Amino acid sequence: MVVYLNESETLAQERVRAAVEALADERDLDGIPEVVAGPDRFIAGEMTMALEAMEGKDRLEARLRPPTPAEVGLYGRPTVIHTPRTLAQVREAVRSPDTFDPEAADPGTRLVTVSGDVDAPATVELPTTASLSAARDAVTVDGPLKLACVGGQFGGLTDTLSHEVSAPALARANLGTDGAVELFGERTCPVALAGTRSRFAYEENCGRCVPCREGSTQLVNLLRDVYDGQYARAKIQELARVMRETSTCDFGRMASRPATTAMATFEADFVAHAEGRCPSGVCEGM
């Protein structure tokens, strides 16, 4: 067993190593689970690139699928990759095998970190049946709330926090399932925010597969065209579909989500930008 952490999270490393050693002593384990720290890079958290990091590769690239990690994983051995949330699901499946639904189950609690236009970021533990609004109550937002990005760098943009924090509920709402919620006030432009996240995908992708490498380039260009009066909504949606369905890894599959969710929720802003106006009043030269 290997526990994989970010190398910048020194406190987490110390606590996990202490917990692992205590568990080994308590259970009299022959082999102590290994704790590995990976590079402080966004792509290092992607499932197959995390395997590359653990193996000490200098250049992190997504692995082709098939084979999957379950077939050829860490050091060429079959590997099961999961997050701590999986453990809660396994426990529920063992306790209630007849009623457990893997498509809907997300038992227990979730840690949610709230950041953005807030006085100070906060991390809260919430029941999976709670709504995102409970996470918002843990911070002080600077002025009226306009939108939120739910699910990390490539999370979904939304104007409501009524969704449950459970992973199935967030996935159904086309939001990211990572425990991160960024709150933004009235001075945030959803078009510019979608463009910034798309540019991050263009600059930080590993370059291995065409759908992600070239798709992120085209996505950035199409979003720039909006500022020049050309809002090609159908073309952006089709490009996003191709990236989502054919990219090698989750980086490319998720990269277009900020743009597509922004168009779905804030289309009036895209239309206004194509007409030369920024409703938020923050995009220069409009």
C-alpha atoms as a PDB file:
ATOM      1  CA  MET A   1       0.000   0.000   0.000  1.00  0.00           C
ATOM      2  CA  VAL A   2       1.241   3.478  -0.923  1.00  0.00           C
ATOM      3  CA  VAL A   3      -0.107   6.805   0.345  1.00  0.00           C
ATOM      4  CA  TYR A   4       0.555   9.616  -2.149  1.00  0.00           C
ATOM      5  CA  LEU A   5       0.726  13.255  -0.989  1.00  0.00           C
ATOM      6  CA  ASN A   6       1.817  16.635  -2.295  1.00  0.00           C
ATOM      7  CA  GLU A   7       5.443  17.361  -1.388  1.00  0.00           C
ATOM      8  CA  SER A   8       4.515  20.897  -0.278  1.00  0.00           C
ATOM      9  CA  GLU A   9       2.072  19.560   2.331  1.00  0.00           C
ATOM     10  CA  THR A  10       4.688  18.886   4.991  1.00  0.00           C
ATOM     11  CA  LEU A  11       2.256  18.847   7.919  1.00  0.00           C
ATOM     12  CA  ALA A  12       0.022  16.319   6.165  1.00  0.00           C
ATOM     13  CA  GLN A  13       3.053  14.135   5.473  1.00  0.00           C
ATOM     14  CA  GLU A  14       4.072  14.186   9.131  1.00  0.00           C
ATOM     15  CA  ARG A  15       0.592  13.282  10.328  1.00  0.00           C
ATOM     16  CA  VAL A  16       0.059  10.526   7.775  1.00  0.00           C
ATOM     17  CA  ARG A  17       3.438   8.962   8.536  1.00  0.00           C
ATOM     18  CA  ALA A  18       2.652   9.073  12.259  1.00  0.00           C
ATOM     19  CA  ALA A  19      -0.751   7.469  11.642  1.00  0.00           C
ATOM     20  CA  VAL A  20       0.768   4.761   9.450  1.00  0.00           C
ATOM     21  CA  GLU A  21       3.398   3.892  12.059  1.00  0.00           C
ATOM     22  CA  ALA A  22       0.786   3.807  14.827  1.00  0.00           C
ATOM     23  CA  LEU A  23      -1.421   1.507  12.734  1.00  0.00           C
ATOM     24  CA  ALA A  24       1.490  -0.784  11.990  1.00  0.00           C
ATOM     25  CA  ASP A  25       2.337  -1.066  15.697  1.00  0.00           C
ATOM     26  CA  GLU A  26      -1.288  -1.613  16.699  1.00  0.00           C
ATOM     27  CA  ARG A  27      -2.019  -4.269  14.071  1.00  0.00           C
ATOM     28  CA  ASP A  28       1.479  -5.809  14.085  1.00  0.00           C
ATOM     29  CA  LEU A  29       1.779  -5.395  10.327  1.00  0.00           C
ATOM     30  CA  ASP A  30       4.692  -7.042   8.550  1.00  0.00           C
ATOM     31  CA  GLY A  31       5.022  -4.244   6.008  1.00  0.00           C
ATOM     32  CA  ILE A  32       4.426  -0.582   6.799  1.00  0.00           C
ATOM     33  CA  PRO A  33       2.501   1.269   4.066  1.00  0.00           C
ATOM     34  CA  GLU A  34       4.784   3.568   2.113  1.00  0.00           C
ATOM     35  CA  VAL A  35       4.189   7.349   2.169  1.00  0.00           C
ATOM     36  CA  VAL A  36       5.340   9.056  -1.034  1.00  0.00           C
ATOM     37  CA  ALA A  37       5.448  12.807  -1.706  1.00  0.00           C
ATOM     38  CA  GLY A  38       4.884  13.913  -5.310  1.00  0.00           C
ATOM     39  CA  PRO A  39       5.716  17.176  -7.111  1.00  0.00           C
ATOM     40  CA  ASP A  40       3.737  20.298  -6.300  1.00  0.00           C
ATOM     41  CA  ARG A  41       2.237  20.438  -9.784  1.00  0.00           C
ATOM     42  CA  PHE A  42      -1.383  20.282 -10.838  1.00  0.00           C
ATOM     43  CA  ILE A  43      -0.882  17.419 -13.292  1.00  0.00           C
ATOM     44  CA  ALA A  44       0.896  15.346 -10.625  1.00  0.00           C
ATOM     45  CA  GLY A  45      -2.502  14.732  -9.044  1.00  0.00           C
ATOM     46  CA  GLU A  46      -3.983  13.090 -12.147  1.00  0.00           C
ATOM     47  CA  MET A  47      -4.335   9.358 -11.619  1.00  0.00           C
ATOM     48  CA  THR A  48      -1.832   7.992 -14.141  1.00  0.00           C
ATOM     49  CA  MET A  49       0.585  10.921 -13.808  1.00  0.00           C
ATOM     50  CA  ALA A  50       0.614  10.299 -10.052  1.00  0.00           C
ATOM     51  CA  LEU A  51       1.918   6.823 -10.867  1.00  0.00           C
ATOM     52  CA  GLU A  52       4.634   8.418 -13.001  1.00  0.00           C
ATOM     53  CA  ALA A  53       5.581  10.681 -10.086  1.00  0.00           C
ATOM     54  CA  MET A  54       5.744   7.792  -7.631  1.00  0.00           C
ATOM     55  CA  GLU A  55       8.060   5.942  -9.994  1.00  0.00           C
ATOM     56  CA  GLY A  56      10.387   8.948 -10.072  1.00  0.00           C
ATOM     57  CA  LYS A  57       9.903   9.948 -13.713  1.00  0.00           C
ATOM     58  CA  ASP A  58      11.439  13.301 -14.637  1.00  0.00           C
ATOM     59  CA  ARG A  59       8.714  14.103 -17.174  1.00  0.00           C
ATOM     60  CA  LEU A  60       5.151  13.428 -16.091  1.00  0.00           C
ATOM     61  CA  GLU A  61       2.910  12.192 -18.891  1.00  0.00           C
ATOM     62  CA  ALA A  62      -0.507  10.614 -18.833  1.00  0.00           C
ATOM     63  CA  ARG A  63      -0.516   6.876 -19.471  1.00  0.00           C
ATOM     64  CA  LEU A  64      -2.501   5.470 -22.336  1.00  0.00           C
ATOM     65  CA  ARG A  65      -5.671   3.549 -21.511  1.00  0.00           C
ATOM     66  CA  PRO A  66      -5.829   0.632 -21.989  1.00  0.00           C
ATOM     67  CA  PRO A  67      -3.903  -0.649 -20.184  1.00  0.00           C
ATOM     68  CA  THR A  68      -5.493   0.699 -17.036  1.00  0.00           C
ATOM     69  CA  PRO A  69      -3.744   0.986 -13.664  1.00  0.00           C
ATOM     70  CA  ALA A  70      -5.711  -2.078 -12.603  1.00  0.00           C
ATOM     71  CA  GLU A  71      -3.830  -4.010 -15.306  1.00  0.00           C
ATOM     72  CA  VAL A  72      -0.419  -2.328 -15.430  1.00  0.00           C
ATOM     73  CA  GLY A  73       0.051   0.193 -12.657  1.00  0.00           C
ATOM     74  CA  LEU A  74       2.734   1.180 -10.179  1.00  0.00           C
ATOM     75  CA  TYR A  75       6.050  -0.478 -11.079  1.00  0.00           C
ATOM     76  CA  GLY A  76       4.221  -2.553 -13.691  1.00  0.00           C
ATOM     77  CA  ARG A  77       1.985  -4.241 -11.130  1.00  0.00           C
ATOM     78  CA  PRO A  78      -1.834  -4.226 -10.938  1.00  0.00           C
ATOM     79  CA  THR A  79      -2.811  -1.139  -8.961  1.00  0.00           C
ATOM     80  CA  VAL A  80      -6.043   0.130  -7.417  1.00  0.00           C
ATOM     81  CA  ILE A  81      -6.125   3.914  -6.977  1.00  0.00           C
ATOM     82  CA  HIS A  82      -8.592   5.563  -4.651  1.00  0.00           C
ATOM     83  CA  THR A  83      -9.103   8.546  -2.380  1.00  0.00           C
ATOM     84  CA  PRO A  84     -10.023   8.481   1.335  1.00  0.00           C
ATOM     85  CA  ARG A  85     -13.672   8.837   0.300  1.00  0.00           C
ATOM     86  CA  THR A  86     -13.501   5.313  -1.137  1.00  0.00           C
ATOM     87  CA  LEU A  87     -12.911   3.903   2.329  1.00  0.00           C
ATOM     88  CA  ALA A  88     -16.238   5.270   3.545  1.00  0.00           C
ATOM     89  CA  GLN A  89     -17.980   3.662   0.579  1.00  0.00           C
ATOM     90  CA  VAL A  90     -16.310   0.296   1.189  1.00  0.00           C
ATOM     91  CA  ARG A  91     -17.407   0.420   4.812  1.00  0.00           C
ATOM     92  CA  GLU A  92     -21.004   1.149   3.773  1.00  0.00           C
ATOM     93  CA  ALA A  93     -20.957  -1.613   1.147  1.00  0.00           C
ATOM     94  CA  VAL A  94     -19.770  -4.155   3.723  1.00  0.00           C
ATOM     95  CA  ARG A  95     -22.344  -3.051   6.303  1.00  0.00           C
ATOM     96  CA  SER A  96     -25.324  -2.890   3.911  1.00  0.00           C
ATOM     97  CA  PRO A  97     -24.567  -4.987   0.808  1.00  0.00           C
ATOM     98  CA  ASP A  98     -28.232  -5.380  -0.145  1.00  0.00           C
ATOM     99  CA  THR A  99     -29.026  -1.666  -0.209  1.00  0.00           C
ATOM    100  CA  PHE A 100     -25.665  -0.197  -1.235  1.00  0.00           C
ATOM    101  CA  ASP A 101     -25.868   1.653  -4.578  1.00  0.00           C
ATOM    102  CA  PRO A 102     -22.389   2.467  -5.954  1.00  0.00           C
ATOM    103  CA  GLU A 103     -23.847   5.024  -8.362  1.00  0.00           C
ATOM    104  CA  ALA A 104     -25.575   7.017  -5.623  1.00  0.00           C
ATOM    105  CA  ALA A 105     -23.695   6.258  -2.441  1.00  0.00           C
ATOM    106  CA  ASP A 106     -21.376   8.780  -0.855  1.00  0.00           C
ATOM    107  CA  PRO A 107     -21.818   8.106   2.855  1.00  0.00           C
ATOM    108  CA  GLY A 108     -20.338   9.925   5.789  1.00  0.00           C
ATOM    109  CA  THR A 109     -18.843  13.401   5.630  1.00  0.00           C
ATOM    110  CA  ARG A 110     -16.705  15.476   3.278  1.00  0.00           C
ATOM    111  CA  LEU A 111     -14.022  18.084   3.837  1.00  0.00           C
ATOM    112  CA  VAL A 112     -14.689  21.213   1.792  1.00  0.00           C
ATOM    113  CA  THR A 113     -12.197  24.072   1.473  1.00  0.00           C
ATOM    114  CA  VAL A 114     -13.740  27.454   0.701  1.00  0.00           C
ATOM    115  CA  SER A 115     -11.624  30.212  -0.852  1.00  0.00           C
ATOM    116  CA  GLY A 116     -11.868  33.031  -3.390  1.00  0.00           C
ATOM    117  CA  ASP A 117     -13.194  36.506  -2.568  1.00  0.00           C
ATOM    118  CA  VAL A 118     -13.358  35.754   1.148  1.00  0.00           C
ATOM    119  CA  ASP A 119     -11.756  37.320   4.209  1.00  0.00           C
ATOM    120  CA  ALA A 120      -9.916  34.082   4.980  1.00  0.00           C
ATOM    121  CA  PRO A 121     -10.119  30.574   3.471  1.00  0.00           C
ATOM    122  CA  ALA A 122     -11.687  27.867   5.629  1.00  0.00           C
ATOM    123  CA  THR A 123     -11.961  24.085   5.583  1.00  0.00           C
ATOM    124  CA  VAL A 124     -15.127  22.556   6.995  1.00  0.00           C
ATOM    125  CA  GLU A 125     -16.400  19.022   7.458  1.00  0.00           C
ATOM    126  CA  LEU A 126     -19.961  18.529   6.260  1.00  0.00           C
ATOM    127  CA  PRO A 127     -22.357  15.594   5.986  1.00  0.00           C
ATOM    128  CA  THR A 128     -22.630  14.483   2.375  1.00  0.00           C
ATOM    129  CA  THR A 129     -26.326  15.366   2.527  1.00  0.00           C
ATOM    130  CA  ALA A 130     -25.554  19.010   3.353  1.00  0.00           C
ATOM    131  CA  SER A 131     -25.639  21.710   0.703  1.00  0.00           C
ATOM    132  CA  LEU A 132     -22.770  23.844  -0.514  1.00  0.00           C
ATOM    133  CA  SER A 133     -24.432  26.813   1.153  1.00  0.00           C
ATOM    134  CA  ALA A 134     -23.309  25.370   4.496  1.00  0.00           C
ATOM    135  CA  ALA A 135     -19.710  25.710   3.319  1.00  0.00           C
ATOM    136  CA  ARG A 136     -20.388  29.293   2.290  1.00  0.00           C
ATOM    137  CA  ASP A 137     -21.571  30.039   5.844  1.00  0.00           C
ATOM    138  CA  ALA A 138     -18.077  29.222   7.131  1.00  0.00           C
ATOM    139  CA  VAL A 139     -16.509  32.298   5.510  1.00  0.00           C
ATOM    140  CA  THR A 140     -17.160  35.998   5.039  1.00  0.00           C
ATOM    141  CA  VAL A 141     -17.570  36.972   1.403  1.00  0.00           C
ATOM    142  CA  ASP A 142     -16.361  40.394   0.268  1.00  0.00           C
ATOM    143  CA  GLY A 143     -19.669  41.828  -0.964  1.00  0.00           C
ATOM    144  CA  PRO A 144     -22.527  40.099  -2.841  1.00  0.00           C
ATOM    145  CA  LEU A 145     -21.816  36.635  -4.213  1.00  0.00           C
ATOM    146  CA  LYS A 146     -22.006  36.352  -8.020  1.00  0.00           C
ATOM    147  CA  LEU A 147     -20.701  32.881  -8.819  1.00  0.00           C
ATOM    148  CA  ALA A 148     -18.772  29.914  -7.520  1.00  0.00           C
ATOM    149  CA  CYS A 149     -16.327  27.473  -9.036  1.00  0.00           C
ATOM    150  CA  VAL A 150     -16.986  24.060  -7.531  1.00  0.00           C
ATOM    151  CA  GLY A 151     -14.462  21.261  -7.836  1.00  0.00           C
ATOM    152  CA  GLY A 152     -11.022  22.813  -8.141  1.00  0.00           C
ATOM    153  CA  GLN A 153      -9.117  24.342 -11.054  1.00  0.00           C
ATOM    154  CA  PHE A 154     -11.327  22.643 -13.636  1.00  0.00           C
ATOM    155  CA  GLY A 155     -14.494  22.772 -11.565  1.00  0.00           C
ATOM    156  CA  GLY A 156     -17.862  23.919 -12.805  1.00  0.00           C
ATOM    157  CA  LEU A 157     -19.093  27.504 -12.618  1.00  0.00           C
ATOM    158  CA  THR A 158     -22.467  27.989 -10.973  1.00  0.00           C
ATOM    159  CA  ASP A 159     -24.652  30.757  -9.604  1.00  0.00           C
ATOM    160  CA  THR A 160     -26.232  28.611  -6.893  1.00  0.00           C
ATOM    161  CA  LEU A 161     -24.955  26.770  -3.829  1.00  0.00           C
ATOM    162  CA  SER A 162     -28.048  24.618  -3.380  1.00  0.00           C
ATOM    163  CA  HIS A 163     -26.320  21.416  -4.530  1.00  0.00           C
ATOM    164  CA  GLU A 164     -25.479  18.645  -2.088  1.00  0.00           C
ATOM    165  CA  VAL A 165     -21.776  18.142  -1.374  1.00  0.00           C
ATOM    166  CA  SER A 166     -21.954  14.421  -2.176  1.00  0.00           C
ATOM    167  CA  ALA A 167     -19.914  13.376  -5.195  1.00  0.00           C
ATOM    168  CA  PRO A 168     -22.896  11.913  -7.147  1.00  0.00           C
ATOM    169  CA  ALA A 169     -24.932  15.106  -6.650  1.00  0.00           C
ATOM    170  CA  LEU A 170     -22.067  17.334  -7.794  1.00  0.00           C
ATOM    171  CA  ALA A 171     -21.391  15.116 -10.802  1.00  0.00           C
ATOM    172  CA  ARG A 172     -25.061  15.248 -11.828  1.00  0.00           C
ATOM    173  CA  ALA A 173     -24.870  19.049 -11.711  1.00  0.00           C
ATOM    174  CA  ASN A 174     -21.758  18.960 -13.961  1.00  0.00           C
ATOM    175  CA  LEU A 175     -19.631  20.344 -11.138  1.00  0.00           C
ATOM    176  CA  GLY A 176     -16.278  19.022  -9.979  1.00  0.00           C
ATOM    177  CA  THR A 177     -16.247  16.498  -7.153  1.00  0.00           C
ATOM    178  CA  ASP A 178     -13.003  17.686  -5.554  1.00  0.00           C
ATOM    179  CA  GLY A 179     -13.599  19.277  -2.156  1.00  0.00           C
ATOM    180  CA  ALA A 180     -12.914  22.858  -3.217  1.00  0.00           C
ATOM    181  CA  VAL A 181     -15.330  25.776  -3.556  1.00  0.00           C
ATOM    182  CA  GLU A 182     -14.163  29.185  -4.791  1.00  0.00           C
ATOM    183  CA  LEU A 183     -16.544  32.080  -4.209  1.00  0.00           C
ATOM    184  CA  PHE A 184     -16.473  35.202  -6.382  1.00  0.00           C
ATOM    185  CA  GLY A 185     -18.139  38.569  -6.018  1.00  0.00           C
ATOM    186  CA  GLU A 186     -19.685  40.978  -8.512  1.00  0.00           C
ATOM    187  CA  ARG A 187     -16.316  42.119  -9.859  1.00  0.00           C
ATOM    188  CA  THR A 188     -15.595  38.680 -11.320  1.00  0.00           C
ATOM    189  CA  CYS A 189     -16.368  38.146 -14.994  1.00  0.00           C
ATOM    190  CA  PRO A 190     -17.420  34.556 -15.791  1.00  0.00           C
ATOM    191  CA  VAL A 191     -16.135  34.887 -19.367  1.00  0.00           C
ATOM    192  CA  ALA A 192     -12.707  35.997 -18.184  1.00  0.00           C
ATOM    193  CA  LEU A 193     -12.651  33.320 -15.474  1.00  0.00           C
ATOM    194  CA  ALA A 194     -13.464  30.592 -18.011  1.00  0.00           C
ATOM    195  CA  GLY A 195     -10.721  31.964 -20.244  1.00  0.00           C
ATOM    196  CA  THR A 196      -8.172  31.951 -17.423  1.00  0.00           C
ATOM    197  CA  ARG A 197      -8.923  28.309 -16.555  1.00  0.00           C
ATOM    198  CA  SER A 198      -8.750  27.326 -20.236  1.00  0.00           C
ATOM    199  CA  ARG A 199      -5.409  29.092 -20.621  1.00  0.00           C
ATOM    200  CA  PHE A 200      -4.137  27.135 -17.603  1.00  0.00           C
ATOM    201  CA  ALA A 201      -5.066  23.909 -19.420  1.00  0.00           C
ATOM    202  CA  TYR A 202      -3.257  25.130 -22.530  1.00  0.00           C
ATOM    203  CA  GLU A 203      -0.099  26.023 -20.601  1.00  0.00           C
ATOM    204  CA  GLU A 204       0.068  23.124 -18.147  1.00  0.00           C
ATOM    205  CA  ASN A 205      -1.041  20.015 -20.060  1.00  0.00           C
ATOM    206  CA  CYS A 206       1.580  17.285 -20.457  1.00  0.00           C
ATOM    207  CA  GLY A 207       1.325  17.399 -24.260  1.00  0.00           C
ATOM    208  CA  ARG A 208       0.962  13.679 -24.784  1.00  0.00           C
ATOM    209  CA  CYS A 209      -2.461  13.433 -26.403  1.00  0.00           C
ATOM    210  CA  VAL A 210      -3.867  15.510 -29.256  1.00  0.00           C
ATOM    211  CA  PRO A 211      -7.406  16.095 -27.882  1.00  0.00           C
ATOM    212  CA  CYS A 212      -6.027  17.832 -24.793  1.00  0.00           C
ATOM    213  CA  ARG A 213      -2.953  19.500 -26.285  1.00  0.00           C
ATOM    214  CA  GLU A 214      -4.611  20.875 -29.422  1.00  0.00           C
ATOM    215  CA  GLY A 215      -8.085  21.076 -27.928  1.00  0.00           C
ATOM    216  CA  SER A 216      -6.998  23.405 -25.142  1.00  0.00           C
ATOM    217  CA  THR A 217      -5.260  25.608 -27.721  1.00  0.00           C
ATOM    218  CA  GLN A 218      -8.401  25.825 -29.826  1.00  0.00           C
ATOM    219  CA  LEU A 219     -10.548  26.433 -26.760  1.00  0.00           C
ATOM    220  CA  VAL A 220      -8.439  29.425 -25.718  1.00  0.00           C
ATOM    221  CA  ASN A 221      -8.654  30.845 -29.247  1.00  0.00           C
ATOM    222  CA  LEU A 222     -12.430  30.397 -29.412  1.00  0.00           C
ATOM    223  CA  LEU A 223     -12.863  32.183 -26.090  1.00  0.00           C
ATOM    224  CA  ARG A 224     -10.621  35.005 -27.284  1.00  0.00           C
ATOM    225  CA  ASP A 225     -12.828  35.288 -30.376  1.00  0.00           C
ATOM    226  CA  VAL A 226     -15.758  36.172 -28.104  1.00  0.00           C
ATOM    227  CA  TYR A 227     -13.985  39.431 -27.293  1.00  0.00           C
ATOM    228  CA  ASP A 228     -13.688  40.068 -31.025  1.00  0.00           C
ATOM    229  CA  GLY A 229     -17.427  39.679 -31.561  1.00  0.00           C
ATOM    230  CA  GLN A 230     -17.561  35.994 -32.509  1.00  0.00           C
ATOM    231  CA  TYR A 231     -19.370  33.785 -30.019  1.00  0.00           C
ATOM    232  CA  ALA A 232     -19.295  30.298 -31.579  1.00  0.00           C
ATOM    233  CA  ARG A 233     -21.301  28.514 -28.916  1.00  0.00           C
ATOM    234  CA  ALA A 234     -21.936  25.296 -30.874  1.00  0.00           C
ATOM    235  CA  LYS A 235     -18.300  25.021 -31.922  1.00  0.00           C
ATOM    236  CA  ILE A 236     -17.100  25.421 -28.319  1.00  0.00           C
ATOM    237  CA  GLN A 237     -19.558  22.786 -27.135  1.00  0.00           C
ATOM    238  CA  GLU A 238     -18.471  20.318 -29.814  1.00  0.00           C
ATOM    239  CA  LEU A 239     -14.792  20.902 -29.068  1.00  0.00           C
ATOM    240  CA  ALA A 240     -15.482  20.351 -25.363  1.00  0.00           C
ATOM    241  CA  ARG A 241     -17.298  17.093 -26.141  1.00  0.00           C
ATOM    242  CA  VAL A 242     -14.350  15.772 -28.139  1.00  0.00           C
ATOM    243  CA  MET A 243     -11.885  16.727 -25.389  1.00  0.00           C
ATOM    244  CA  ARG A 244     -14.100  15.175 -22.729  1.00  0.00           C
ATOM    245  CA  GLU A 245     -14.648  11.887 -24.567  1.00  0.00           C
ATOM    246  CA  THR A 246     -11.267  11.273 -26.219  1.00  0.00           C
ATOM    247  CA  SER A 247      -8.537  12.754 -23.998  1.00  0.00           C
ATOM    248  CA  THR A 248      -6.165  10.212 -22.487  1.00  0.00           C
ATOM    249  CA  CYS A 249      -6.520  11.350 -18.886  1.00  0.00           C
ATOM    250  CA  ASP A 250      -8.752  13.332 -16.546  1.00  0.00           C
ATOM    251  CA  PHE A 251      -6.793  16.547 -17.160  1.00  0.00           C
ATOM    252  CA  GLY A 252      -8.072  16.769 -20.735  1.00  0.00           C
ATOM    253  CA  ARG A 253     -11.477  15.379 -19.870  1.00  0.00           C
ATOM    254  CA  MET A 254     -12.118  18.103 -17.304  1.00  0.00           C
ATOM    255  CA  ALA A 255     -10.273  21.041 -18.899  1.00  0.00           C
ATOM    256  CA  SER A 256     -13.274  22.397 -20.810  1.00  0.00           C
ATOM    257  CA  ARG A 257     -15.727  22.240 -17.900  1.00  0.00           C
ATOM    258  CA  PRO A 258     -15.217  25.845 -16.677  1.00  0.00           C
ATOM    259  CA  ALA A 259     -16.016  27.125 -20.174  1.00  0.00           C
ATOM    260  CA  THR A 260     -19.053  24.923 -20.826  1.00  0.00           C
ATOM    261  CA  THR A 261     -20.606  25.510 -17.402  1.00  0.00           C
ATOM    262  CA  ALA A 262     -19.960  29.239 -17.729  1.00  0.00           C
ATOM    263  CA  MET A 263     -21.812  29.277 -21.062  1.00  0.00           C
ATOM    264  CA  ALA A 264     -24.680  27.246 -19.600  1.00  0.00           C
ATOM    265  CA  THR A 265     -25.177  29.524 -16.600  1.00  0.00           C
ATOM    266  CA  PHE A 266     -23.902  32.916 -17.764  1.00  0.00           C
ATOM    267  CA  GLU A 267     -24.628  32.917 -21.484  1.00  0.00           C
ATOM    268  CA  ALA A 268     -25.910  36.491 -21.301  1.00  0.00           C
ATOM    269  CA  ASP A 269     -22.377  37.542 -20.341  1.00  0.00           C
ATOM    270  CA  PHE A 270     -20.918  35.796 -23.412  1.00  0.00           C
ATOM    271  CA  VAL A 271     -23.436  37.483 -25.682  1.00  0.00           C
ATOM    272  CA  ALA A 272     -22.691  40.851 -24.080  1.00  0.00           C
ATOM    273  CA  HIS A 273     -18.946  40.400 -24.602  1.00  0.00           C
ATOM    274  CA  ALA A 274     -19.516  39.555 -28.255  1.00  0.00           C
ATOM    275  CA  GLU A 275     -21.394  42.855 -28.458  1.00  0.00           C
ATOM    276  CA  GLY A 276     -18.479  44.706 -26.850  1.00  0.00           C
ATOM    277  CA  ARG A 277     -19.764  44.940 -23.271  1.00  0.00           C
ATOM    278  CA  CYS A 278     -18.572  43.370 -20.014  1.00  0.00           C
ATOM    279  CA  PRO A 279     -21.521  43.329 -17.548  1.00  0.00           C
ATOM    280  CA  SER A 280     -19.077  42.970 -14.670  1.00  0.00           C
ATOM    281  CA  GLY A 281     -17.141  46.018 -15.851  1.00  0.00           C
ATOM    282  CA  VAL A 282     -13.732  44.375 -15.445  1.00  0.00           C
ATOM    283  CA  CYS A 283     -12.640  43.389 -18.961  1.00  0.00           C
ATOM    284  CA  GLU A 284     -10.416  46.141 -20.329  1.00  0.00           C
ATOM    285  CA  GLY A 285     -11.008  47.755 -23.701  1.00  0.00           C
ATOM    286  CA  MET A 286     -14.673  46.845 -23.993  1.00  0.00           C
END
